[in-house]
Amino acid sequence: MEQLDKLEARHREQLDKWDARHTEQLSGQAVKHTEQLDKLIGQVAKHTEQLDNMIGQVAKHTEQLDKLDDKVGDLVNKADVKFEKQCETVDVKFDKVDAKFDKVDAKIDKVDANTNTPNKYEDAGIFASGAIFVATVGPFAMNAWQRSLAALKVTEATRKVAEAIDKVAVG
């Protein structure tokens, strides 16, 4: 029995050493893990603060964007009103130009009517002599001059329309 008691005492001693060593190791690891957890908690707090700041910045930028959107909307509305007024002005100018074109067309029709007159005489066989031919050259020359004048007026009216369009486009 004595041997058993010695063995038991020796085993208890070894178990106590192991227990002390393991307890010391576990305590060291527990302290180390606690420190790591404290660091992680600090990092989480720091990141949470950064996220809160970012959320505040996003809200501020959203507010600024809303203000800019309102300003752009106002500018677009003003531009639309201005554009509509300019379109009305151009419409009035086009109406005036159309009236001028109508007058020019009437003059061209008169010139065409005068130009067609000799053809009627020709069809009727009136051009029997050179004297009649000479008499008809004068109206042809006058008609050509009137056509040139009418074409010049059309060109001038077209130029004015182009200027009006340029003013609206640049305006």
N, C-alpha and C. Protein backbone atom coordinates (compact mmCIF):
# COMPACT_ATOMS: atom_id res chain seq x y z
N MET A 1 0.77 -1.17 0.00
CA MET A 1 0.00 0.00 0.00
C MET A 1 0.83 1.26 0.00
N GLU A 2 1.84 1.07 0.60
CA GLU A 2 2.72 2.19 0.66
C GLU A 2 3.16 2.58 -0.74
N GLN A 3 3.38 1.60 -1.53
CA GLN A 3 3.77 1.88 -2.90
C GLN A 3 2.64 2.55 -3.66
N LEU A 4 1.48 2.09 -3.38
CA LEU A 4 0.33 2.73 -4.02
C LEU A 4 0.20 4.18 -3.57
N ASP A 5 0.43 4.42 -2.34
CA ASP A 5 0.35 5.79 -1.85
C ASP A 5 1.42 6.66 -2.50
N LYS A 6 2.61 6.07 -2.69
CA LYS A 6 3.69 6.82 -3.32
C LYS A 6 3.33 7.12 -4.78
N LEU A 7 2.84 6.08 -5.44
CA LEU A 7 2.44 6.27 -6.84
C LEU A 7 1.32 7.31 -6.94
N GLU A 8 0.38 7.19 -6.05
CA GLU A 8 -0.73 8.14 -6.09
C GLU A 8 -0.23 9.55 -5.80
N ALA A 9 0.68 9.70 -4.87
CA ALA A 9 1.23 11.01 -4.54
C ALA A 9 2.01 11.57 -5.73
N ARG A 10 2.80 10.68 -6.36
CA ARG A 10 3.57 11.13 -7.50
C ARG A 10 2.66 11.53 -8.66
N HIS A 11 1.63 10.76 -8.91
CA HIS A 11 0.69 11.10 -9.98
C HIS A 11 -0.06 12.40 -9.66
N ARG A 12 -0.41 12.55 -8.40
CA ARG A 12 -1.09 13.79 -8.03
C ARG A 12 -0.18 14.98 -8.24
N GLU A 13 1.07 14.79 -7.90
CA GLU A 13 2.04 15.86 -8.08
C GLU A 13 2.16 16.22 -9.56
N GLN A 14 2.25 15.20 -10.41
CA GLN A 14 2.33 15.45 -11.86
C GLN A 14 1.05 16.10 -12.36
N LEU A 15 -0.07 15.60 -11.89
CA LEU A 15 -1.35 16.19 -12.30
C LEU A 15 -1.44 17.64 -11.84
N ASP A 16 -0.99 17.95 -10.66
CA ASP A 16 -1.01 19.33 -10.18
C ASP A 16 -0.10 20.22 -11.02
N LYS A 17 1.09 19.70 -11.41
CA LYS A 17 2.00 20.47 -12.27
C LYS A 17 1.34 20.74 -13.63
N TRP A 18 0.78 19.67 -14.17
CA TRP A 18 0.12 19.83 -15.48
C TRP A 18 -1.05 20.81 -15.39
N ASP A 19 -1.79 20.65 -14.30
CA ASP A 19 -2.93 21.54 -14.11
C ASP A 19 -2.46 22.99 -13.98
N ALA A 20 -1.40 23.20 -13.24
CA ALA A 20 -0.87 24.56 -13.06
C ALA A 20 -0.36 25.10 -14.40
N ARG A 21 0.39 24.25 -15.13
CA ARG A 21 0.92 24.69 -16.42
C ARG A 21 -0.20 25.00 -17.40
N HIS A 22 -1.20 24.12 -17.47
CA HIS A 22 -2.32 24.36 -18.39
C HIS A 22 -3.14 25.57 -17.96
N THR A 23 -3.33 25.74 -16.68
CA THR A 23 -4.07 26.89 -16.20
C THR A 23 -3.31 28.17 -16.56
N GLU A 24 -1.97 28.13 -16.40
CA GLU A 24 -1.16 29.29 -16.76
C GLU A 24 -1.24 29.56 -18.27
N GLN A 25 -1.15 28.51 -19.09
CA GLN A 25 -1.26 28.67 -20.55
C GLN A 25 -2.64 29.22 -20.93
N LEU A 26 -3.67 28.63 -20.33
CA LEU A 26 -5.03 29.08 -20.64
C LEU A 26 -5.24 30.52 -20.19
N SER A 27 -4.69 30.89 -19.06
CA SER A 27 -4.82 32.27 -18.59
C SER A 27 -4.12 33.22 -19.55
N GLY A 28 -2.93 32.83 -20.01
CA GLY A 28 -2.19 33.67 -20.97
C GLY A 28 -2.96 33.81 -22.28
N GLN A 29 -3.51 32.69 -22.74
CA GLN A 29 -4.30 32.75 -23.98
C GLN A 29 -5.58 33.57 -23.78
N ALA A 30 -6.19 33.44 -22.61
CA ALA A 30 -7.40 34.20 -22.33
C ALA A 30 -7.09 35.70 -22.33
N VAL A 31 -5.95 36.07 -21.73
CA VAL A 31 -5.56 37.48 -21.71
C VAL A 31 -5.29 37.96 -23.13
N LYS A 32 -4.56 37.12 -23.89
CA LYS A 32 -4.24 37.47 -25.29
C LYS A 32 -5.52 37.63 -26.11
N HIS A 33 -6.45 36.70 -25.98
CA HIS A 33 -7.71 36.77 -26.74
C HIS A 33 -8.56 37.95 -26.29
N THR A 34 -8.53 38.25 -25.01
CA THR A 34 -9.28 39.40 -24.51
C THR A 34 -8.72 40.68 -25.11
N GLU A 35 -7.37 40.77 -25.18
CA GLU A 35 -6.75 41.95 -25.80
C GLU A 35 -7.15 42.06 -27.28
N GLN A 36 -7.13 40.92 -27.98
CA GLN A 36 -7.52 40.93 -29.40
C GLN A 36 -8.99 41.35 -29.56
N LEU A 37 -9.85 40.85 -28.69
CA LEU A 37 -11.26 41.24 -28.75
C LEU A 37 -11.43 42.73 -28.47
N ASP A 38 -10.66 43.25 -27.52
CA ASP A 38 -10.74 44.68 -27.23
C ASP A 38 -10.30 45.50 -28.45
N LYS A 39 -9.24 45.05 -29.13
CA LYS A 39 -8.79 45.74 -30.35
C LYS A 39 -9.89 45.69 -31.42
N LEU A 40 -10.49 44.52 -31.60
CA LEU A 40 -11.56 44.38 -32.60
C LEU A 40 -12.75 45.28 -32.25
N ILE A 41 -13.10 45.34 -30.99
CA ILE A 41 -14.21 46.20 -30.56
C ILE A 41 -13.87 47.66 -30.85
N GLY A 42 -12.61 48.04 -30.61
CA GLY A 42 -12.17 49.41 -30.93
C GLY A 42 -12.25 49.69 -32.42
N GLN A 43 -11.83 48.71 -33.23
CA GLN A 43 -11.90 48.88 -34.69
C GLN A 43 -13.36 48.98 -35.16
N VAL A 44 -14.23 48.17 -34.58
CA VAL A 44 -15.65 48.22 -34.94
C VAL A 44 -16.21 49.60 -34.59
N ALA A 45 -15.86 50.11 -33.43
CA ALA A 45 -16.34 51.44 -33.03
C ALA A 45 -15.82 52.51 -34.00
N LYS A 46 -14.53 52.38 -34.37
CA LYS A 46 -13.93 53.34 -35.31
C LYS A 46 -14.64 53.27 -36.67
N HIS A 47 -14.86 52.07 -37.17
CA HIS A 47 -15.53 51.90 -38.47
C HIS A 47 -16.99 52.38 -38.40
N THR A 48 -17.63 52.14 -37.29
CA THR A 48 -19.01 52.62 -37.13
C THR A 48 -19.04 54.15 -37.18
N GLU A 49 -18.07 54.78 -36.54
CA GLU A 49 -17.98 56.24 -36.57
C GLU A 49 -17.72 56.73 -38.00
N GLN A 50 -16.82 56.04 -38.72
CA GLN A 50 -16.55 56.42 -40.11
C GLN A 50 -17.80 56.26 -40.98
N LEU A 51 -18.52 55.17 -40.77
CA LEU A 51 -19.76 54.96 -41.53
C LEU A 51 -20.79 56.04 -41.22
N ASP A 52 -20.88 56.43 -39.95
CA ASP A 52 -21.81 57.50 -39.59
C ASP A 52 -21.42 58.81 -40.29
N ASN A 53 -20.11 59.09 -40.34
CA ASN A 53 -19.64 60.29 -41.05
C ASN A 53 -19.99 60.22 -42.53
N MET A 54 -19.77 59.06 -43.13
CA MET A 54 -20.08 58.88 -44.56
C MET A 54 -21.58 59.04 -44.82
N ILE A 55 -22.38 58.50 -43.93
CA ILE A 55 -23.84 58.64 -44.09
C ILE A 55 -24.22 60.12 -44.02
N GLY A 56 -23.58 60.86 -43.11
CA GLY A 56 -23.83 62.30 -43.03
C GLY A 56 -23.42 63.01 -44.31
N GLN A 57 -22.26 62.63 -44.87
CA GLN A 57 -21.80 63.23 -46.13
C GLN A 57 -22.74 62.90 -47.28
N VAL A 58 -23.21 61.66 -47.32
CA VAL A 58 -24.15 61.27 -48.38
C VAL A 58 -25.43 62.09 -48.27
N ALA A 59 -25.90 62.27 -47.06
CA ALA A 59 -27.12 63.08 -46.86
C ALA A 59 -26.88 64.52 -47.32
N LYS A 60 -25.71 65.06 -46.97
CA LYS A 60 -25.37 66.43 -47.37
C LYS A 60 -25.28 66.53 -48.90
N HIS A 61 -24.61 65.58 -49.54
CA HIS A 61 -24.48 65.60 -51.00
C HIS A 61 -25.84 65.42 -51.67
N THR A 62 -26.68 64.59 -51.09
CA THR A 62 -28.03 64.40 -51.65
C THR A 62 -28.80 65.71 -51.58
N GLU A 63 -28.66 66.41 -50.49
CA GLU A 63 -29.33 67.70 -50.33
C GLU A 63 -28.80 68.70 -51.38
N GLN A 64 -27.47 68.72 -51.58
CA GLN A 64 -26.88 69.61 -52.58
C GLN A 64 -27.36 69.25 -53.98
N LEU A 65 -27.43 67.96 -54.26
CA LEU A 65 -27.91 67.51 -55.58
C LEU A 65 -29.37 67.92 -55.79
N ASP A 66 -30.16 67.82 -54.74
CA ASP A 66 -31.57 68.25 -54.86
C ASP A 66 -31.65 69.74 -55.18
N LYS A 67 -30.80 70.55 -54.51
CA LYS A 67 -30.80 71.99 -54.79
C LYS A 67 -30.37 72.25 -56.23
N LEU A 68 -29.32 71.55 -56.68
CA LEU A 68 -28.86 71.72 -58.06
C LEU A 68 -29.93 71.30 -59.06
N ASP A 69 -30.62 70.21 -58.73
CA ASP A 69 -31.70 69.74 -59.61
C ASP A 69 -32.80 70.79 -59.72
N ASP A 70 -33.12 71.42 -58.59
CA ASP A 70 -34.13 72.49 -58.61
C ASP A 70 -33.66 73.65 -59.48
N LYS A 71 -32.38 74.03 -59.33
CA LYS A 71 -31.84 75.14 -60.13
C LYS A 71 -31.87 74.80 -61.61
N VAL A 72 -31.47 73.58 -61.94
CA VAL A 72 -31.48 73.15 -63.35
C VAL A 72 -32.90 73.17 -63.89
N GLY A 73 -33.84 72.70 -63.08
CA GLY A 73 -35.24 72.73 -63.50
C GLY A 73 -35.71 74.15 -63.77
N ASP A 74 -35.33 75.08 -62.88
CA ASP A 74 -35.70 76.49 -63.09
C ASP A 74 -35.07 77.03 -64.37
N LEU A 75 -33.79 76.71 -64.58
CA LEU A 75 -33.12 77.19 -65.79
C LEU A 75 -33.76 76.61 -67.05
N VAL A 76 -34.12 75.33 -66.99
CA VAL A 76 -34.77 74.71 -68.15
C VAL A 76 -36.11 75.38 -68.42
N ASN A 77 -36.86 75.65 -67.37
CA ASN A 77 -38.15 76.33 -67.56
C ASN A 77 -37.96 77.71 -68.17
N LYS A 78 -36.97 78.46 -67.66
CA LYS A 78 -36.70 79.79 -68.21
C LYS A 78 -36.28 79.68 -69.68
N ALA A 79 -35.42 78.69 -69.96
CA ALA A 79 -34.97 78.50 -71.35
C ALA A 79 -36.14 78.13 -72.25
N ASP A 80 -37.06 77.31 -71.73
CA ASP A 80 -38.24 76.94 -72.53
C ASP A 80 -39.08 78.16 -72.84
N VAL A 81 -39.28 79.02 -71.83
CA VAL A 81 -40.08 80.24 -72.04
C VAL A 81 -39.39 81.13 -73.07
N LYS A 82 -38.07 81.30 -72.90
CA LYS A 82 -37.31 82.14 -73.84
C LYS A 82 -37.37 81.54 -75.25
N PHE A 83 -37.22 80.23 -75.33
CA PHE A 83 -37.26 79.57 -76.64
C PHE A 83 -38.63 79.74 -77.29
N GLU A 84 -39.68 79.60 -76.49
CA GLU A 84 -41.04 79.77 -77.03
C GLU A 84 -41.24 81.19 -77.55
N LYS A 85 -40.72 82.19 -76.80
CA LYS A 85 -40.83 83.57 -77.27
C LYS A 85 -40.06 83.76 -78.58
N GLN A 86 -38.87 83.17 -78.64
CA GLN A 86 -38.08 83.29 -79.86
C GLN A 86 -38.77 82.58 -81.02
N CYS A 87 -39.39 81.45 -80.73
CA CYS A 87 -40.13 80.75 -81.79
C CYS A 87 -41.29 81.60 -82.29
N GLU A 88 -41.97 82.27 -81.35
CA GLU A 88 -43.06 83.15 -81.77
C GLU A 88 -42.53 84.28 -82.64
N THR A 89 -41.37 84.84 -82.25
CA THR A 89 -40.75 85.90 -83.05
C THR A 89 -40.40 85.38 -84.43
N VAL A 90 -39.83 84.18 -84.47
CA VAL A 90 -39.47 83.60 -85.77
C VAL A 90 -40.72 83.33 -86.59
N ASP A 91 -41.77 82.86 -85.92
CA ASP A 91 -43.02 82.61 -86.65
C ASP A 91 -43.54 83.90 -87.28
N VAL A 92 -43.47 84.99 -86.52
CA VAL A 92 -43.91 86.29 -87.06
C VAL A 92 -43.04 86.66 -88.25
N LYS A 93 -41.73 86.47 -88.12
CA LYS A 93 -40.82 86.80 -89.23
C LYS A 93 -41.11 85.90 -90.43
N PHE A 94 -41.37 84.63 -90.17
CA PHE A 94 -41.70 83.73 -91.28
C PHE A 94 -43.00 84.17 -91.96
N ASP A 95 -43.96 84.62 -91.15
CA ASP A 95 -45.21 85.11 -91.75
C ASP A 95 -44.93 86.30 -92.66
N LYS A 96 -44.06 87.21 -92.19
CA LYS A 96 -43.70 88.36 -93.02
C LYS A 96 -42.99 87.91 -94.29
N VAL A 97 -42.08 86.96 -94.13
CA VAL A 97 -41.35 86.46 -95.30
C VAL A 97 -42.31 85.75 -96.25
N ASP A 98 -43.25 84.98 -95.68
CA ASP A 98 -44.24 84.32 -96.53
C ASP A 98 -45.04 85.34 -97.32
N ALA A 99 -45.40 86.45 -96.65
CA ALA A 99 -46.14 87.50 -97.35
C ALA A 99 -45.30 88.07 -98.48
N LYS A 100 -43.99 88.26 -98.22
CA LYS A 100 -43.11 88.76 -99.28
C LYS A 100 -43.01 87.75 -100.41
N PHE A 101 -42.92 86.48 -100.06
CA PHE A 101 -42.87 85.44 -101.10
C PHE A 101 -44.16 85.45 -101.93
N ASP A 102 -45.29 85.66 -101.24
CA ASP A 102 -46.56 85.72 -101.97
C ASP A 102 -46.55 86.87 -102.97
N LYS A 103 -46.02 88.03 -102.53
CA LYS A 103 -45.93 89.17 -103.44
C LYS A 103 -45.00 88.86 -104.61
N VAL A 104 -43.87 88.23 -104.30
CA VAL A 104 -42.92 87.88 -105.36
C VAL A 104 -43.56 86.87 -106.30
N ASP A 105 -44.28 85.90 -105.74
CA ASP A 105 -44.96 84.91 -106.59
C ASP A 105 -45.97 85.60 -107.52
N ALA A 106 -46.67 86.59 -106.98
CA ALA A 106 -47.63 87.32 -107.82
C ALA A 106 -46.91 88.03 -108.96
N LYS A 107 -45.76 88.64 -108.64
CA LYS A 107 -44.99 89.31 -109.69
C LYS A 107 -44.47 88.30 -110.71
N ILE A 108 -44.03 87.16 -110.24
CA ILE A 108 -43.55 86.12 -111.16
C ILE A 108 -44.69 85.64 -112.04
N ASP A 109 -45.88 85.50 -111.44
CA ASP A 109 -47.04 85.09 -112.25
C ASP A 109 -47.33 86.12 -113.34
N LYS A 110 -47.22 87.42 -112.99
CA LYS A 110 -47.43 88.46 -114.00
C LYS A 110 -46.38 88.36 -115.09
N VAL A 111 -45.13 88.14 -114.67
CA VAL A 111 -44.06 88.01 -115.66
C VAL A 111 -44.31 86.80 -116.53
N ASP A 112 -44.72 85.68 -115.92
CA ASP A 112 -45.01 84.48 -116.69
C ASP A 112 -46.16 84.73 -117.67
N ALA A 113 -47.15 85.47 -117.22
CA ALA A 113 -48.29 85.78 -118.10
C ALA A 113 -47.81 86.59 -119.30
N ASN A 114 -46.94 87.56 -119.05
CA ASN A 114 -46.41 88.36 -120.15
C ASN A 114 -45.52 87.53 -121.06
N THR A 115 -44.79 86.60 -120.47
CA THR A 115 -43.89 85.76 -121.26
C THR A 115 -44.70 84.81 -122.14
N ASN A 116 -45.80 84.34 -121.65
CA ASN A 116 -46.62 83.40 -122.43
C ASN A 116 -47.40 84.09 -123.55
N THR A 117 -47.56 85.40 -123.48
CA THR A 117 -48.32 86.13 -124.51
C THR A 117 -47.75 85.92 -125.90
N PRO A 118 -46.43 86.05 -126.11
CA PRO A 118 -45.90 85.83 -127.46
C PRO A 118 -46.17 84.42 -127.96
N ASN A 119 -46.18 83.45 -127.05
CA ASN A 119 -46.46 82.08 -127.49
C ASN A 119 -47.87 81.98 -128.06
N LYS A 120 -48.79 82.70 -127.44
CA LYS A 120 -50.17 82.70 -127.96
C LYS A 120 -50.20 83.28 -129.37
N TYR A 121 -49.42 84.39 -129.54
CA TYR A 121 -49.37 85.00 -130.88
C TYR A 121 -48.75 84.04 -131.88
N GLU A 122 -47.73 83.34 -131.42
CA GLU A 122 -47.07 82.39 -132.33
C GLU A 122 -48.03 81.30 -132.73
N ASP A 123 -48.77 80.79 -131.73
CA ASP A 123 -49.74 79.74 -132.02
C ASP A 123 -50.82 80.24 -132.99
N ALA A 124 -51.16 81.51 -132.89
CA ALA A 124 -52.20 82.06 -133.76
C ALA A 124 -51.66 82.44 -135.14
N GLY A 125 -50.36 82.32 -135.32
CA GLY A 125 -49.77 82.63 -136.62
C GLY A 125 -49.57 84.10 -136.84
N ILE A 126 -49.46 84.91 -135.78
CA ILE A 126 -49.32 86.35 -135.93
C ILE A 126 -47.92 86.73 -136.38
N PHE A 127 -46.93 85.89 -136.07
CA PHE A 127 -45.54 86.23 -136.44
C PHE A 127 -45.33 86.01 -137.94
N ALA A 128 -45.89 86.82 -138.69
CA ALA A 128 -45.76 86.68 -140.15
C ALA A 128 -44.61 87.49 -140.70
N SER A 129 -44.21 88.50 -139.98
CA SER A 129 -43.14 89.33 -140.53
C SER A 129 -42.10 89.63 -139.48
N GLY A 130 -40.95 90.12 -139.90
CA GLY A 130 -39.86 90.47 -138.99
C GLY A 130 -40.20 91.63 -138.10
N ALA A 131 -41.07 92.51 -138.53
CA ALA A 131 -41.44 93.68 -137.72
C ALA A 131 -42.15 93.25 -136.46
N ILE A 132 -43.01 92.29 -136.59
CA ILE A 132 -43.72 91.79 -135.41
C ILE A 132 -42.73 91.10 -134.48
N PHE A 133 -41.77 90.36 -135.07
CA PHE A 133 -40.75 89.68 -134.27
C PHE A 133 -39.96 90.68 -133.46
N VAL A 134 -39.53 91.78 -134.09
CA VAL A 134 -38.76 92.81 -133.39
C VAL A 134 -39.61 93.43 -132.29
N ALA A 135 -40.87 93.60 -132.56
CA ALA A 135 -41.75 94.20 -131.56
C ALA A 135 -41.90 93.30 -130.34
N THR A 136 -41.77 92.02 -130.55
CA THR A 136 -41.93 91.10 -129.41
C THR A 136 -40.64 90.89 -128.64
N VAL A 137 -39.49 91.26 -129.20
CA VAL A 137 -38.22 91.09 -128.48
C VAL A 137 -38.17 92.01 -127.26
N GLY A 138 -38.72 93.21 -127.41
CA GLY A 138 -38.74 94.15 -126.28
C GLY A 138 -39.40 93.57 -125.04
N PRO A 139 -40.61 93.01 -125.13
CA PRO A 139 -41.23 92.41 -123.94
C PRO A 139 -40.42 91.26 -123.37
N PHE A 140 -39.78 90.47 -124.27
CA PHE A 140 -38.95 89.38 -123.74
C PHE A 140 -37.82 89.94 -122.89
N ALA A 141 -37.20 90.98 -123.39
CA ALA A 141 -36.10 91.59 -122.64
C ALA A 141 -36.62 92.16 -121.32
N MET A 142 -37.76 92.82 -121.35
CA MET A 142 -38.35 93.36 -120.13
C MET A 142 -38.72 92.24 -119.17
N ASN A 143 -39.30 91.17 -119.71
CA ASN A 143 -39.68 90.04 -118.87
C ASN A 143 -38.45 89.41 -118.23
N ALA A 144 -37.37 89.29 -118.97
CA ALA A 144 -36.13 88.73 -118.41
C ALA A 144 -35.62 89.61 -117.29
N TRP A 145 -35.69 90.94 -117.50
CA TRP A 145 -35.25 91.86 -116.46
C TRP A 145 -36.14 91.74 -115.23
N GLN A 146 -37.45 91.64 -115.43
CA GLN A 146 -38.38 91.50 -114.30
C GLN A 146 -38.16 90.17 -113.58
N ARG A 147 -37.89 89.11 -114.32
CA ARG A 147 -37.61 87.82 -113.69
C ARG A 147 -36.34 87.90 -112.85
N SER A 148 -35.32 88.56 -113.38
CA SER A 148 -34.07 88.73 -112.63
C SER A 148 -34.32 89.51 -111.35
N LEU A 149 -35.12 90.56 -111.45
CA LEU A 149 -35.45 91.37 -110.29
C LEU A 149 -36.23 90.54 -109.27
N ALA A 150 -37.17 89.75 -109.75
CA ALA A 150 -37.95 88.89 -108.85
C ALA A 150 -37.04 87.86 -108.17
N ALA A 151 -36.12 87.27 -108.93
CA ALA A 151 -35.19 86.30 -108.35
C ALA A 151 -34.31 86.97 -107.30
N LEU A 152 -33.89 88.21 -107.57
CA LEU A 152 -33.09 88.94 -106.60
C LEU A 152 -33.88 89.17 -105.31
N LYS A 153 -35.15 89.51 -105.44
CA LYS A 153 -35.99 89.72 -104.26
C LYS A 153 -36.18 88.42 -103.48
N VAL A 154 -36.35 87.32 -104.19
CA VAL A 154 -36.48 86.01 -103.52
C VAL A 154 -35.19 85.69 -102.78
N THR A 155 -34.06 85.96 -103.40
CA THR A 155 -32.77 85.70 -102.75
C THR A 155 -32.63 86.55 -101.49
N GLU A 156 -33.01 87.80 -101.56
CA GLU A 156 -32.94 88.71 -100.41
C GLU A 156 -33.86 88.21 -99.29
N ALA A 157 -35.05 87.79 -99.64
CA ALA A 157 -35.99 87.28 -98.63
C ALA A 157 -35.43 86.01 -97.98
N THR A 158 -34.82 85.15 -98.79
CA THR A 158 -34.22 83.91 -98.26
C THR A 158 -33.08 84.25 -97.30
N ARG A 159 -32.27 85.24 -97.66
CA ARG A 159 -31.17 85.66 -96.79
C ARG A 159 -31.72 86.15 -95.45
N LYS A 160 -32.79 86.92 -95.48
CA LYS A 160 -33.39 87.43 -94.25
C LYS A 160 -33.92 86.30 -93.38
N VAL A 161 -34.51 85.30 -94.00
CA VAL A 161 -35.00 84.13 -93.25
C VAL A 161 -33.83 83.42 -92.59
N ALA A 162 -32.74 83.24 -93.35
CA ALA A 162 -31.56 82.58 -92.79
C ALA A 162 -31.00 83.36 -91.61
N GLU A 163 -30.97 84.69 -91.72
CA GLU A 163 -30.50 85.51 -90.61
C GLU A 163 -31.41 85.36 -89.39
N ALA A 164 -32.70 85.31 -89.62
CA ALA A 164 -33.65 85.15 -88.50
C ALA A 164 -33.44 83.80 -87.82
N ILE A 165 -33.22 82.77 -88.62
CA ILE A 165 -32.98 81.43 -88.05
C ILE A 165 -31.68 81.44 -87.26
N ASP A 166 -30.62 82.07 -87.79
CA ASP A 166 -29.35 82.17 -87.08
C ASP A 166 -29.51 82.89 -85.76
N LYS A 167 -30.29 83.98 -85.75
CA LYS A 167 -30.50 84.72 -84.51
C LYS A 167 -31.16 83.84 -83.46
N VAL A 168 -32.13 83.05 -83.88
CA VAL A 168 -32.83 82.16 -82.94
C VAL A 168 -31.89 81.07 -82.46
N ALA A 169 -31.12 80.50 -83.38
CA ALA A 169 -30.22 79.41 -83.01
C ALA A 169 -29.12 79.90 -82.07
N VAL A 170 -28.57 81.07 -82.33
CA VAL A 170 -27.50 81.60 -81.49
C VAL A 170 -28.06 82.21 -80.22
N GLY A 171 -29.21 82.89 -80.36
CA GLY A 171 -29.88 83.66 -79.32
C GLY A 171 -29.84 83.07 -77.99
